Amino acid sequence: MYQLDQRRLYLCVGHRDDLTDFLPAVLRGGVDVVQLREKDLGDEQRRVSGVLMAAICRDFGVPFIMNDSPYLAAEVAADGVHVGQDDVSVAVCRDVMGPDAIVGLSTHDPEEFARALEQPTTYRSAGPIVATPTKPGRSGTGVDYAVDCTKRSDQPVFVTGAVTADNVGSLVEAGLRHFVVVRALTTAPDPYAAAVSIRRALDEALASVA
C-alpha cells in the first residue's frame, strides 16, 4: 500500500488522446499521485483510460486513483478511489476495494470536514480555495479553511483550487503541504516543464519551512 504522507503533487486529469505522452511527462516532472477525473464520458471509456493510466503509474511507482466509482477502480486495478459528498460512501468504497486501498474524500466546508474525520479515509481534500472552472458553481473556500483542515487532520489534506508554480510557495508558508493540480498541467504547452516548475517551487518552499 502506498503511503501518502510524503506525496505532495496530485494531478487530476480527464481522458485525453495523448495520455501515453502526457502522463509520463508530468510523472517525470514530479507528479506523485494521479487521479482520473472524468465526468463526461461513459464507463467504457473511463475503464479503457483507467487501465492505461494504471499501467503507466505503476511503471513510475506512483499511486493511481479513480474518481467516483470504487467498482470501476477495482476493475482497472487502481490503487484507490476518490469520492465526493454526493457519491457512494467511504464505507462502500472500503467494502469494494478492501482495507488497504486508498480512499479519498472531498470536503468543502467545516461540517463536511468534521464528518470526514470520522470516516475510514486515507486522505481528505479541502477546497477549492478559489473558484475554479473544474468545480462549476462552487465558490472558493479560502485558504484559512484548508489550513484549519490540515491542522485538524491526522491524514494528508490535499488542497484544491488553482494551484500553480507562482502561488504554491505562499500556500506552503501558510501551512499547507499537499496539493492538487489540474489546469496548470493539463493546459500547459509543455507539461513536463510545467510539472518541473511547480515541483521545484513546492520543494524549495518545503525546504524553507522544514
N, C-alpha and C. Protein backbone atom coordinates (compact mmCIF):
# COMPACT_ATOMS: atom_id res chain seq x y z
N MET A 1 0.84 -1.20 0.00
CA MET A 1 0.00 0.00 0.00
C MET A 1 0.87 1.25 0.00
N TYR A 2 0.53 2.19 -0.84
CA TYR A 2 1.29 3.44 -0.90
C TYR A 2 0.99 4.30 0.33
N GLN A 3 2.03 4.94 0.86
CA GLN A 3 1.88 5.93 1.90
C GLN A 3 1.84 7.32 1.25
N LEU A 4 0.93 8.16 1.68
CA LEU A 4 0.74 9.45 1.02
C LEU A 4 1.36 10.62 1.77
N ASP A 5 1.91 10.39 2.97
CA ASP A 5 2.41 11.50 3.77
C ASP A 5 3.44 12.35 3.03
N GLN A 6 4.31 11.71 2.28
CA GLN A 6 5.38 12.43 1.59
C GLN A 6 5.09 12.66 0.11
N ARG A 7 3.87 12.40 -0.29
CA ARG A 7 3.47 12.69 -1.67
C ARG A 7 2.77 14.03 -1.69
N ARG A 8 3.24 14.93 -2.54
CA ARG A 8 2.85 16.33 -2.43
C ARG A 8 2.08 16.88 -3.63
N LEU A 9 2.30 16.28 -4.82
CA LEU A 9 1.77 16.89 -6.04
C LEU A 9 0.84 15.91 -6.75
N TYR A 10 -0.43 16.19 -6.68
CA TYR A 10 -1.51 15.27 -7.06
C TYR A 10 -2.19 15.83 -8.31
N LEU A 11 -2.11 15.11 -9.39
CA LEU A 11 -2.73 15.52 -10.66
C LEU A 11 -4.11 14.91 -10.81
N CYS A 12 -5.09 15.76 -11.12
CA CYS A 12 -6.40 15.29 -11.58
C CYS A 12 -6.49 15.58 -13.07
N VAL A 13 -6.83 14.56 -13.86
CA VAL A 13 -6.89 14.73 -15.31
C VAL A 13 -7.99 13.84 -15.87
N GLY A 14 -8.67 14.36 -16.87
CA GLY A 14 -9.66 13.57 -17.58
C GLY A 14 -9.03 12.82 -18.74
N HIS A 15 -9.88 12.08 -19.48
CA HIS A 15 -9.38 11.39 -20.65
C HIS A 15 -8.84 12.39 -21.65
N ARG A 16 -7.72 12.07 -22.27
CA ARG A 16 -7.17 12.86 -23.36
C ARG A 16 -6.47 11.91 -24.32
N ASP A 17 -6.46 12.29 -25.59
CA ASP A 17 -5.94 11.38 -26.61
C ASP A 17 -4.43 11.18 -26.52
N ASP A 18 -3.74 12.09 -25.82
CA ASP A 18 -2.28 11.98 -25.73
C ASP A 18 -1.81 11.47 -24.37
N LEU A 19 -2.63 10.67 -23.71
CA LEU A 19 -2.28 10.20 -22.37
C LEU A 19 -0.93 9.49 -22.33
N THR A 20 -0.61 8.72 -23.37
CA THR A 20 0.65 7.97 -23.35
C THR A 20 1.87 8.88 -23.42
N ASP A 21 1.69 10.12 -23.87
CA ASP A 21 2.77 11.10 -23.85
C ASP A 21 2.66 12.03 -22.64
N PHE A 22 1.44 12.51 -22.40
CA PHE A 22 1.22 13.49 -21.34
C PHE A 22 1.54 12.93 -19.96
N LEU A 23 1.01 11.76 -19.65
CA LEU A 23 1.16 11.24 -18.29
C LEU A 23 2.61 10.93 -17.93
N PRO A 24 3.38 10.23 -18.77
CA PRO A 24 4.79 10.04 -18.41
C PRO A 24 5.55 11.36 -18.25
N ALA A 25 5.18 12.36 -19.06
CA ALA A 25 5.87 13.65 -18.98
C ALA A 25 5.69 14.30 -17.61
N VAL A 26 4.45 14.34 -17.12
CA VAL A 26 4.22 15.00 -15.83
C VAL A 26 4.75 14.15 -14.67
N LEU A 27 4.74 12.84 -14.83
CA LEU A 27 5.32 11.98 -13.79
C LEU A 27 6.83 12.19 -13.72
N ARG A 28 7.49 12.28 -14.85
CA ARG A 28 8.92 12.58 -14.84
C ARG A 28 9.17 13.96 -14.25
N GLY A 29 8.21 14.87 -14.42
CA GLY A 29 8.37 16.23 -13.91
C GLY A 29 8.13 16.38 -12.42
N GLY A 30 7.58 15.36 -11.76
CA GLY A 30 7.44 15.44 -10.31
C GLY A 30 6.07 15.17 -9.74
N VAL A 31 5.07 14.89 -10.57
CA VAL A 31 3.77 14.49 -10.05
C VAL A 31 3.91 13.14 -9.34
N ASP A 32 3.32 13.01 -8.14
CA ASP A 32 3.49 11.75 -7.42
C ASP A 32 2.19 11.11 -6.95
N VAL A 33 1.05 11.62 -7.40
CA VAL A 33 -0.25 10.96 -7.27
C VAL A 33 -1.05 11.34 -8.51
N VAL A 34 -1.83 10.41 -9.07
CA VAL A 34 -2.62 10.69 -10.26
C VAL A 34 -4.05 10.20 -10.06
N GLN A 35 -5.00 11.04 -10.46
CA GLN A 35 -6.41 10.65 -10.45
C GLN A 35 -7.02 10.84 -11.83
N LEU A 36 -7.75 9.84 -12.30
CA LEU A 36 -8.59 10.02 -13.48
C LEU A 36 -9.91 10.61 -13.01
N ARG A 37 -10.12 11.86 -13.36
CA ARG A 37 -11.37 12.56 -13.01
C ARG A 37 -12.10 12.86 -14.32
N GLU A 38 -13.02 12.00 -14.66
CA GLU A 38 -13.72 12.10 -15.95
C GLU A 38 -15.22 12.10 -15.69
N LYS A 39 -15.84 13.26 -15.88
CA LYS A 39 -17.26 13.42 -15.57
C LYS A 39 -18.16 13.29 -16.79
N ASP A 40 -17.60 13.32 -17.99
CA ASP A 40 -18.42 13.45 -19.19
C ASP A 40 -18.53 12.18 -20.02
N LEU A 41 -17.62 11.24 -19.85
CA LEU A 41 -17.62 10.04 -20.68
C LEU A 41 -18.21 8.85 -19.91
N GLY A 42 -18.63 7.84 -20.65
CA GLY A 42 -19.25 6.67 -20.06
C GLY A 42 -18.24 5.73 -19.41
N ASP A 43 -18.78 4.71 -18.78
CA ASP A 43 -17.93 3.79 -18.04
C ASP A 43 -16.92 3.07 -18.91
N GLU A 44 -17.29 2.75 -20.16
CA GLU A 44 -16.37 2.00 -21.01
C GLU A 44 -15.12 2.82 -21.31
N GLN A 45 -15.29 4.11 -21.66
CA GLN A 45 -14.12 4.94 -21.93
C GLN A 45 -13.32 5.17 -20.66
N ARG A 46 -14.00 5.35 -19.54
CA ARG A 46 -13.30 5.52 -18.28
C ARG A 46 -12.51 4.25 -17.94
N ARG A 47 -13.08 3.10 -18.25
CA ARG A 47 -12.40 1.84 -18.00
C ARG A 47 -11.13 1.73 -18.85
N VAL A 48 -11.26 2.06 -20.14
CA VAL A 48 -10.10 1.99 -21.04
C VAL A 48 -9.00 2.94 -20.58
N SER A 49 -9.39 4.18 -20.27
CA SER A 49 -8.39 5.15 -19.80
C SER A 49 -7.79 4.72 -18.49
N GLY A 50 -8.62 4.17 -17.60
CA GLY A 50 -8.12 3.74 -16.31
C GLY A 50 -7.09 2.64 -16.40
N VAL A 51 -7.33 1.67 -17.24
CA VAL A 51 -6.36 0.58 -17.42
C VAL A 51 -5.03 1.12 -17.93
N LEU A 52 -5.10 2.03 -18.90
CA LEU A 52 -3.89 2.62 -19.45
C LEU A 52 -3.13 3.43 -18.40
N MET A 53 -3.85 4.28 -17.68
CA MET A 53 -3.21 5.14 -16.70
C MET A 53 -2.66 4.35 -15.52
N ALA A 54 -3.37 3.31 -15.11
CA ALA A 54 -2.89 2.49 -14.01
C ALA A 54 -1.55 1.84 -14.37
N ALA A 55 -1.43 1.37 -15.60
CA ALA A 55 -0.19 0.72 -16.03
C ALA A 55 0.97 1.72 -16.06
N ILE A 56 0.71 2.91 -16.57
CA ILE A 56 1.78 3.92 -16.64
C ILE A 56 2.21 4.32 -15.23
N CYS A 57 1.24 4.58 -14.36
CA CYS A 57 1.58 4.96 -12.99
C CYS A 57 2.35 3.87 -12.27
N ARG A 58 1.97 2.63 -12.52
CA ARG A 58 2.66 1.51 -11.89
C ARG A 58 4.13 1.50 -12.29
N ASP A 59 4.40 1.78 -13.56
CA ASP A 59 5.78 1.80 -14.03
C ASP A 59 6.61 2.87 -13.32
N PHE A 60 5.94 3.95 -12.89
CA PHE A 60 6.63 5.04 -12.21
C PHE A 60 6.57 4.92 -10.69
N GLY A 61 5.90 3.90 -10.18
CA GLY A 61 5.78 3.75 -8.74
C GLY A 61 4.91 4.82 -8.10
N VAL A 62 3.89 5.25 -8.84
CA VAL A 62 3.01 6.32 -8.39
C VAL A 62 1.59 5.78 -8.23
N PRO A 63 0.90 6.09 -7.14
CA PRO A 63 -0.46 5.59 -6.96
C PRO A 63 -1.43 6.19 -7.97
N PHE A 64 -2.32 5.34 -8.48
CA PHE A 64 -3.35 5.75 -9.43
C PHE A 64 -4.72 5.60 -8.79
N ILE A 65 -5.54 6.64 -8.90
CA ILE A 65 -6.83 6.71 -8.24
C ILE A 65 -7.91 7.02 -9.26
N MET A 66 -9.03 6.32 -9.15
CA MET A 66 -10.19 6.60 -9.99
C MET A 66 -11.17 7.49 -9.23
N ASN A 67 -11.83 8.37 -9.94
CA ASN A 67 -12.83 9.24 -9.35
C ASN A 67 -14.20 8.57 -9.33
N ASP A 68 -14.94 8.76 -8.27
CA ASP A 68 -16.38 8.47 -8.15
C ASP A 68 -16.74 7.00 -7.89
N SER A 69 -16.16 6.07 -8.64
CA SER A 69 -16.66 4.69 -8.64
C SER A 69 -15.65 3.69 -8.09
N PRO A 70 -15.88 3.13 -6.90
CA PRO A 70 -14.99 2.07 -6.42
C PRO A 70 -15.08 0.82 -7.28
N TYR A 71 -16.20 0.63 -7.94
CA TYR A 71 -16.38 -0.56 -8.77
C TYR A 71 -15.46 -0.49 -9.99
N LEU A 72 -15.44 0.66 -10.67
CA LEU A 72 -14.51 0.84 -11.79
C LEU A 72 -13.07 0.81 -11.31
N ALA A 73 -12.81 1.41 -10.16
CA ALA A 73 -11.46 1.41 -9.61
C ALA A 73 -10.96 -0.01 -9.41
N ALA A 74 -11.81 -0.86 -8.88
CA ALA A 74 -11.43 -2.25 -8.66
C ALA A 74 -11.22 -2.97 -10.00
N GLU A 75 -12.07 -2.68 -10.98
CA GLU A 75 -11.96 -3.33 -12.29
C GLU A 75 -10.64 -3.04 -12.97
N VAL A 76 -10.16 -1.81 -12.86
CA VAL A 76 -8.94 -1.43 -13.57
C VAL A 76 -7.70 -1.61 -12.70
N ALA A 77 -7.86 -2.20 -11.52
CA ALA A 77 -6.75 -2.42 -10.59
C ALA A 77 -6.10 -1.11 -10.16
N ALA A 78 -6.94 -0.10 -9.94
CA ALA A 78 -6.44 1.16 -9.41
C ALA A 78 -6.01 0.95 -7.96
N ASP A 79 -5.17 1.87 -7.49
CA ASP A 79 -4.72 1.81 -6.09
C ASP A 79 -5.75 2.40 -5.14
N GLY A 80 -6.71 3.13 -5.69
CA GLY A 80 -7.71 3.71 -4.82
C GLY A 80 -8.80 4.42 -5.57
N VAL A 81 -9.66 5.08 -4.82
CA VAL A 81 -10.80 5.79 -5.37
C VAL A 81 -10.98 7.08 -4.59
N HIS A 82 -11.45 8.11 -5.29
CA HIS A 82 -11.78 9.39 -4.64
C HIS A 82 -13.26 9.66 -4.85
N VAL A 83 -13.95 9.98 -3.76
CA VAL A 83 -15.39 10.24 -3.85
C VAL A 83 -15.70 11.61 -3.28
N GLY A 84 -16.83 12.16 -3.77
CA GLY A 84 -17.33 13.42 -3.28
C GLY A 84 -18.46 13.21 -2.29
N GLN A 85 -19.01 14.31 -1.85
CA GLN A 85 -20.06 14.26 -0.84
C GLN A 85 -21.33 13.58 -1.36
N ASP A 86 -21.55 13.61 -2.66
CA ASP A 86 -22.77 13.04 -3.23
C ASP A 86 -22.55 11.68 -3.88
N ASP A 87 -21.35 11.13 -3.75
CA ASP A 87 -21.05 9.83 -4.34
C ASP A 87 -21.30 8.72 -3.31
N VAL A 88 -20.93 7.51 -3.67
CA VAL A 88 -21.06 6.41 -2.72
C VAL A 88 -20.22 6.70 -1.48
N SER A 89 -20.56 6.08 -0.38
CA SER A 89 -19.91 6.38 0.89
C SER A 89 -18.50 5.81 0.96
N VAL A 90 -17.73 6.34 1.87
CA VAL A 90 -16.40 5.79 2.15
C VAL A 90 -16.52 4.35 2.59
N ALA A 91 -17.54 4.03 3.37
CA ALA A 91 -17.73 2.65 3.83
C ALA A 91 -17.92 1.69 2.66
N VAL A 92 -18.71 2.10 1.66
CA VAL A 92 -18.90 1.26 0.47
C VAL A 92 -17.57 1.10 -0.26
N CYS A 93 -16.82 2.18 -0.38
CA CYS A 93 -15.51 2.10 -1.03
C CYS A 93 -14.62 1.07 -0.34
N ARG A 94 -14.63 1.07 0.97
CA ARG A 94 -13.84 0.10 1.72
C ARG A 94 -14.35 -1.32 1.48
N ASP A 95 -15.65 -1.49 1.45
CA ASP A 95 -16.22 -2.82 1.21
C ASP A 95 -15.79 -3.37 -0.15
N VAL A 96 -15.79 -2.48 -1.15
CA VAL A 96 -15.47 -2.90 -2.52
C VAL A 96 -13.97 -3.11 -2.72
N MET A 97 -13.17 -2.20 -2.17
CA MET A 97 -11.74 -2.18 -2.50
C MET A 97 -10.84 -2.73 -1.41
N GLY A 98 -11.37 -2.90 -0.23
CA GLY A 98 -10.58 -3.51 0.83
C GLY A 98 -9.90 -2.51 1.75
N PRO A 99 -9.36 -2.99 2.84
CA PRO A 99 -8.81 -2.11 3.87
C PRO A 99 -7.52 -1.40 3.48
N ASP A 100 -6.81 -1.92 2.49
CA ASP A 100 -5.52 -1.33 2.14
C ASP A 100 -5.59 -0.34 0.98
N ALA A 101 -6.75 -0.22 0.35
CA ALA A 101 -6.90 0.71 -0.77
C ALA A 101 -6.84 2.15 -0.30
N ILE A 102 -6.43 3.03 -1.20
CA ILE A 102 -6.50 4.47 -0.94
C ILE A 102 -7.94 4.93 -1.14
N VAL A 103 -8.49 5.62 -0.16
CA VAL A 103 -9.83 6.19 -0.30
C VAL A 103 -9.76 7.65 0.11
N GLY A 104 -10.06 8.53 -0.84
CA GLY A 104 -10.06 9.96 -0.59
C GLY A 104 -11.46 10.52 -0.61
N LEU A 105 -11.68 11.60 0.14
CA LEU A 105 -13.00 12.22 0.26
C LEU A 105 -12.88 13.72 0.15
N SER A 106 -13.70 14.32 -0.72
CA SER A 106 -13.73 15.77 -0.88
C SER A 106 -14.51 16.43 0.25
N THR A 107 -14.03 17.59 0.69
CA THR A 107 -14.78 18.41 1.64
C THR A 107 -14.72 19.87 1.19
N HIS A 108 -15.79 20.61 1.53
CA HIS A 108 -15.90 21.99 1.07
C HIS A 108 -16.29 22.96 2.18
N ASP A 109 -16.55 22.45 3.37
CA ASP A 109 -16.89 23.33 4.49
C ASP A 109 -16.57 22.61 5.79
N PRO A 110 -16.54 23.35 6.89
CA PRO A 110 -16.13 22.74 8.17
C PRO A 110 -16.99 21.57 8.60
N GLU A 111 -18.29 21.61 8.35
CA GLU A 111 -19.15 20.50 8.76
C GLU A 111 -18.82 19.24 7.97
N GLU A 112 -18.59 19.38 6.67
CA GLU A 112 -18.20 18.22 5.88
C GLU A 112 -16.87 17.66 6.36
N PHE A 113 -15.95 18.55 6.69
CA PHE A 113 -14.64 18.06 7.13
C PHE A 113 -14.76 17.36 8.48
N ALA A 114 -15.58 17.88 9.36
CA ALA A 114 -15.77 17.24 10.66
C ALA A 114 -16.31 15.82 10.48
N ARG A 115 -17.25 15.64 9.56
CA ARG A 115 -17.77 14.30 9.30
C ARG A 115 -16.70 13.42 8.67
N ALA A 116 -15.86 14.00 7.81
CA ALA A 116 -14.79 13.24 7.16
C ALA A 116 -13.80 12.69 8.18
N LEU A 117 -13.59 13.42 9.25
CA LEU A 117 -12.65 12.97 10.28
C LEU A 117 -13.09 11.67 10.94
N GLU A 118 -14.37 11.37 10.85
CA GLU A 118 -14.90 10.17 11.49
C GLU A 118 -14.97 8.97 10.54
N GLN A 119 -14.53 9.15 9.30
CA GLN A 119 -14.66 8.09 8.31
C GLN A 119 -13.30 7.46 7.98
N PRO A 120 -13.31 6.20 7.52
CA PRO A 120 -12.06 5.47 7.29
C PRO A 120 -11.40 5.82 5.96
N THR A 121 -11.05 7.08 5.83
CA THR A 121 -10.37 7.56 4.63
C THR A 121 -8.87 7.30 4.73
N THR A 122 -8.18 7.55 3.62
CA THR A 122 -6.72 7.56 3.60
C THR A 122 -6.21 9.00 3.56
N TYR A 123 -6.97 9.84 2.89
CA TYR A 123 -6.68 11.27 2.84
C TYR A 123 -7.99 12.02 2.64
N ARG A 124 -7.96 13.32 2.89
CA ARG A 124 -9.10 14.18 2.61
C ARG A 124 -8.65 15.31 1.70
N SER A 125 -9.58 15.89 0.97
CA SER A 125 -9.25 17.09 0.22
C SER A 125 -10.06 18.25 0.74
N ALA A 126 -9.53 19.45 0.57
CA ALA A 126 -10.17 20.67 1.05
C ALA A 126 -10.12 21.73 -0.03
N GLY A 127 -11.26 22.34 -0.29
CA GLY A 127 -11.29 23.39 -1.30
C GLY A 127 -12.53 23.29 -2.18
N PRO A 128 -12.50 23.96 -3.32
CA PRO A 128 -11.38 24.71 -3.87
C PRO A 128 -11.16 26.01 -3.11
N ILE A 129 -9.90 26.35 -2.87
CA ILE A 129 -9.62 27.55 -2.10
C ILE A 129 -10.00 28.81 -2.87
N VAL A 130 -10.04 28.73 -4.18
CA VAL A 130 -10.61 29.79 -5.02
C VAL A 130 -11.54 29.14 -6.03
N ALA A 131 -12.49 29.89 -6.53
CA ALA A 131 -13.41 29.36 -7.54
C ALA A 131 -12.62 28.92 -8.76
N THR A 132 -13.00 27.80 -9.34
CA THR A 132 -12.26 27.24 -10.48
C THR A 132 -13.23 26.60 -11.46
N PRO A 133 -12.93 26.66 -12.76
CA PRO A 133 -13.82 26.04 -13.76
C PRO A 133 -13.98 24.53 -13.60
N THR A 134 -13.06 23.89 -12.91
CA THR A 134 -13.18 22.44 -12.72
C THR A 134 -14.24 22.10 -11.68
N LYS A 135 -14.69 23.10 -10.93
CA LYS A 135 -15.78 22.92 -9.96
C LYS A 135 -16.85 23.98 -10.23
N PRO A 136 -17.56 23.87 -11.35
CA PRO A 136 -18.50 24.93 -11.74
C PRO A 136 -19.59 25.12 -10.69
N GLY A 137 -19.86 26.39 -10.40
CA GLY A 137 -20.92 26.72 -9.46
C GLY A 137 -20.51 26.69 -8.00
N ARG A 138 -19.28 26.31 -7.73
CA ARG A 138 -18.84 26.24 -6.33
C ARG A 138 -17.91 27.41 -6.03
N SER A 139 -18.23 28.16 -5.01
CA SER A 139 -17.39 29.31 -4.64
C SER A 139 -16.15 28.83 -3.90
N GLY A 140 -15.15 29.69 -3.83
CA GLY A 140 -13.93 29.33 -3.14
C GLY A 140 -14.10 29.29 -1.64
N THR A 141 -13.38 28.39 -1.00
CA THR A 141 -13.46 28.25 0.45
C THR A 141 -12.51 29.18 1.19
N GLY A 142 -11.49 29.66 0.48
CA GLY A 142 -10.45 30.44 1.12
C GLY A 142 -9.34 29.56 1.69
N VAL A 143 -8.18 30.15 1.83
CA VAL A 143 -7.01 29.40 2.32
C VAL A 143 -7.17 29.01 3.78
N ASP A 144 -7.79 29.87 4.58
CA ASP A 144 -7.90 29.60 6.02
C ASP A 144 -8.63 28.28 6.28
N TYR A 145 -9.63 27.99 5.47
CA TYR A 145 -10.35 26.73 5.63
C TYR A 145 -9.41 25.54 5.45
N ALA A 146 -8.62 25.58 4.39
CA ALA A 146 -7.70 24.48 4.11
C ALA A 146 -6.63 24.36 5.19
N VAL A 147 -6.14 25.47 5.69
CA VAL A 147 -5.16 25.44 6.76
C VAL A 147 -5.76 24.81 8.01
N ASP A 148 -6.98 25.20 8.36
CA ASP A 148 -7.65 24.64 9.53
C ASP A 148 -7.84 23.12 9.37
N CYS A 149 -8.24 22.70 8.19
CA CYS A 149 -8.41 21.27 7.93
C CYS A 149 -7.09 20.53 8.12
N THR A 150 -6.01 21.10 7.60
CA THR A 150 -4.70 20.48 7.72
C THR A 150 -4.30 20.31 9.17
N LYS A 151 -4.56 21.33 9.98
CA LYS A 151 -4.20 21.27 11.39
C LYS A 151 -5.01 20.22 12.14
N ARG A 152 -6.23 19.98 11.71
CA ARG A 152 -7.12 19.07 12.44
C ARG A 152 -6.98 17.61 12.01
N SER A 153 -6.31 17.38 10.90
CA SER A 153 -6.31 16.05 10.31
C SER A 153 -5.06 15.27 10.68
N ASP A 154 -5.25 13.97 10.96
CA ASP A 154 -4.12 13.08 11.17
C ASP A 154 -3.71 12.39 9.88
N GLN A 155 -4.35 12.76 8.77
CA GLN A 155 -4.04 12.24 7.45
C GLN A 155 -3.74 13.41 6.52
N PRO A 156 -3.08 13.14 5.38
CA PRO A 156 -2.81 14.23 4.44
C PRO A 156 -4.10 14.91 3.99
N VAL A 157 -4.03 16.22 3.87
CA VAL A 157 -5.13 17.01 3.31
C VAL A 157 -4.62 17.65 2.02
N PHE A 158 -5.18 17.21 0.89
CA PHE A 158 -4.78 17.74 -0.41
C PHE A 158 -5.67 18.93 -0.75
N VAL A 159 -5.02 20.05 -1.03
CA VAL A 159 -5.72 21.31 -1.26
C VAL A 159 -6.00 21.48 -2.74
N THR A 160 -7.23 21.84 -3.07
CA THR A 160 -7.63 22.03 -4.46
C THR A 160 -7.90 23.51 -4.74
N GLY A 161 -7.75 23.88 -6.01
CA GLY A 161 -8.15 25.22 -6.43
C GLY A 161 -7.03 26.08 -6.96
N ALA A 162 -6.76 25.97 -8.26
CA ALA A 162 -5.86 26.89 -8.99
C ALA A 162 -4.45 26.96 -8.40
N VAL A 163 -3.90 25.82 -8.02
CA VAL A 163 -2.52 25.76 -7.54
C VAL A 163 -1.58 25.88 -8.72
N THR A 164 -0.58 26.76 -8.60
CA THR A 164 0.39 27.00 -9.67
C THR A 164 1.79 27.11 -9.09
N ALA A 165 2.77 27.19 -9.97
CA ALA A 165 4.14 27.42 -9.52
C ALA A 165 4.28 28.77 -8.84
N ASP A 166 3.45 29.73 -9.21
CA ASP A 166 3.55 31.07 -8.65
C ASP A 166 2.99 31.18 -7.24
N ASN A 167 2.00 30.36 -6.90
CA ASN A 167 1.38 30.53 -5.58
C ASN A 167 1.66 29.39 -4.61
N VAL A 168 2.24 28.29 -5.07
CA VAL A 168 2.40 27.15 -4.17
C VAL A 168 3.33 27.48 -3.01
N GLY A 169 4.31 28.34 -3.23
CA GLY A 169 5.22 28.72 -2.15
C GLY A 169 4.49 29.44 -1.02
N SER A 170 3.63 30.37 -1.37
CA SER A 170 2.89 31.10 -0.33
C SER A 170 1.90 30.18 0.37
N LEU A 171 1.38 29.18 -0.33
CA LEU A 171 0.47 28.22 0.30
C LEU A 171 1.21 27.34 1.30
N VAL A 172 2.44 26.96 0.96
CA VAL A 172 3.26 26.22 1.92
C VAL A 172 3.55 27.08 3.14
N GLU A 173 3.88 28.34 2.93
CA GLU A 173 4.14 29.24 4.06
C GLU A 173 2.92 29.38 4.96
N ALA A 174 1.73 29.28 4.38
CA ALA A 174 0.51 29.38 5.17
C ALA A 174 0.25 28.14 6.01
N GLY A 175 0.93 27.04 5.69
CA GLY A 175 0.78 25.82 6.48
C GLY A 175 0.28 24.62 5.71
N LEU A 176 0.11 24.75 4.39
CA LEU A 176 -0.38 23.64 3.57
C LEU A 176 0.79 22.81 3.06
N ARG A 177 0.53 21.52 2.81
CA ARG A 177 1.63 20.62 2.46
C ARG A 177 1.35 19.71 1.26
N HIS A 178 0.10 19.56 0.87
CA HIS A 178 -0.27 18.61 -0.19
C HIS A 178 -1.21 19.32 -1.16
N PHE A 179 -0.96 19.16 -2.47
CA PHE A 179 -1.63 20.00 -3.45
C PHE A 179 -2.15 19.22 -4.65
N VAL A 180 -3.36 19.56 -5.05
CA VAL A 180 -3.95 19.03 -6.28
C VAL A 180 -3.78 20.06 -7.37
N VAL A 181 -3.31 19.60 -8.52
CA VAL A 181 -3.12 20.48 -9.68
C VAL A 181 -3.93 19.94 -10.85
N VAL A 182 -4.60 20.85 -11.54
CA VAL A 182 -5.36 20.45 -12.74
C VAL A 182 -4.87 21.29 -13.91
N ARG A 183 -5.42 22.48 -14.07
CA ARG A 183 -5.20 23.27 -15.29
C ARG A 183 -3.74 23.67 -15.49
N ALA A 184 -3.01 23.88 -14.41
CA ALA A 184 -1.60 24.28 -14.57
C ALA A 184 -0.80 23.24 -15.32
N LEU A 185 -1.27 22.00 -15.30
CA LEU A 185 -0.61 20.94 -16.06
C LEU A 185 -1.38 20.54 -17.30
N THR A 186 -2.70 20.43 -17.19
CA THR A 186 -3.48 19.90 -18.32
C THR A 186 -3.57 20.87 -19.49
N THR A 187 -3.39 22.17 -19.23
CA THR A 187 -3.43 23.15 -20.32
C THR A 187 -2.05 23.67 -20.70
N ALA A 188 -1.02 23.13 -20.08
CA ALA A 188 0.34 23.63 -20.33
C ALA A 188 0.84 23.22 -21.71
N PRO A 189 1.46 24.13 -22.46
CA PRO A 189 2.05 23.76 -23.75
C PRO A 189 3.14 22.71 -23.61
N ASP A 190 3.86 22.76 -22.50
CA ASP A 190 4.92 21.79 -22.21
C ASP A 190 4.63 21.20 -20.83
N PRO A 191 3.89 20.11 -20.75
CA PRO A 191 3.51 19.55 -19.45
C PRO A 191 4.70 19.18 -18.57
N TYR A 192 5.74 18.63 -19.16
CA TYR A 192 6.92 18.27 -18.38
C TYR A 192 7.52 19.49 -17.71
N ALA A 193 7.74 20.56 -18.49
CA ALA A 193 8.33 21.77 -17.93
C ALA A 193 7.43 22.38 -16.86
N ALA A 194 6.13 22.33 -17.08
CA ALA A 194 5.20 22.87 -16.09
C ALA A 194 5.27 22.09 -14.79
N ALA A 195 5.33 20.76 -14.89
CA ALA A 195 5.43 19.94 -13.69
C ALA A 195 6.73 20.20 -12.95
N VAL A 196 7.82 20.31 -13.68
CA VAL A 196 9.12 20.60 -13.06
C VAL A 196 9.07 21.93 -12.33
N SER A 197 8.44 22.92 -12.94
CA SER A 197 8.36 24.26 -12.34
C SER A 197 7.57 24.24 -11.04
N ILE A 198 6.43 23.58 -11.06
CA ILE A 198 5.62 23.51 -9.84
C ILE A 198 6.35 22.71 -8.77
N ARG A 199 6.91 21.58 -9.16
CA ARG A 199 7.60 20.72 -8.18
C ARG A 199 8.79 21.44 -7.57
N ARG A 200 9.54 22.18 -8.38
CA ARG A 200 10.70 22.88 -7.85
C ARG A 200 10.26 23.95 -6.84
N ALA A 201 9.23 24.72 -7.21
CA ALA A 201 8.74 25.75 -6.28
C ALA A 201 8.22 25.13 -4.99
N LEU A 202 7.53 24.00 -5.11
CA LEU A 202 6.99 23.30 -3.95
C LEU A 202 8.11 22.79 -3.05
N ASP A 203 9.09 22.12 -3.64
CA ASP A 203 10.18 21.55 -2.85
C ASP A 203 11.01 22.64 -2.18
N GLU A 204 11.25 23.73 -2.89
CA GLU A 204 12.00 24.83 -2.30
C GLU A 204 11.25 25.43 -1.11
N ALA A 205 9.93 25.58 -1.25
CA ALA A 205 9.14 26.12 -0.16
C ALA A 205 9.12 25.18 1.04
N LEU A 206 9.01 23.89 0.78
CA LEU A 206 9.01 22.92 1.88
C LEU A 206 10.35 22.92 2.60
N ALA A 207 11.44 23.04 1.84
CA ALA A 207 12.76 23.08 2.47
C ALA A 207 12.92 24.31 3.35
N SER A 208 12.32 25.41 2.93
CA SER A 208 12.49 26.66 3.70
C SER A 208 11.71 26.66 5.00
N VAL A 209 10.69 25.81 5.11
CA VAL A 209 9.91 25.78 6.36
C VAL A 209 10.24 24.54 7.21
N ALA A 210 11.15 23.72 6.72
CA ALA A 210 11.49 22.48 7.45
C ALA A 210 12.17 22.81 8.78
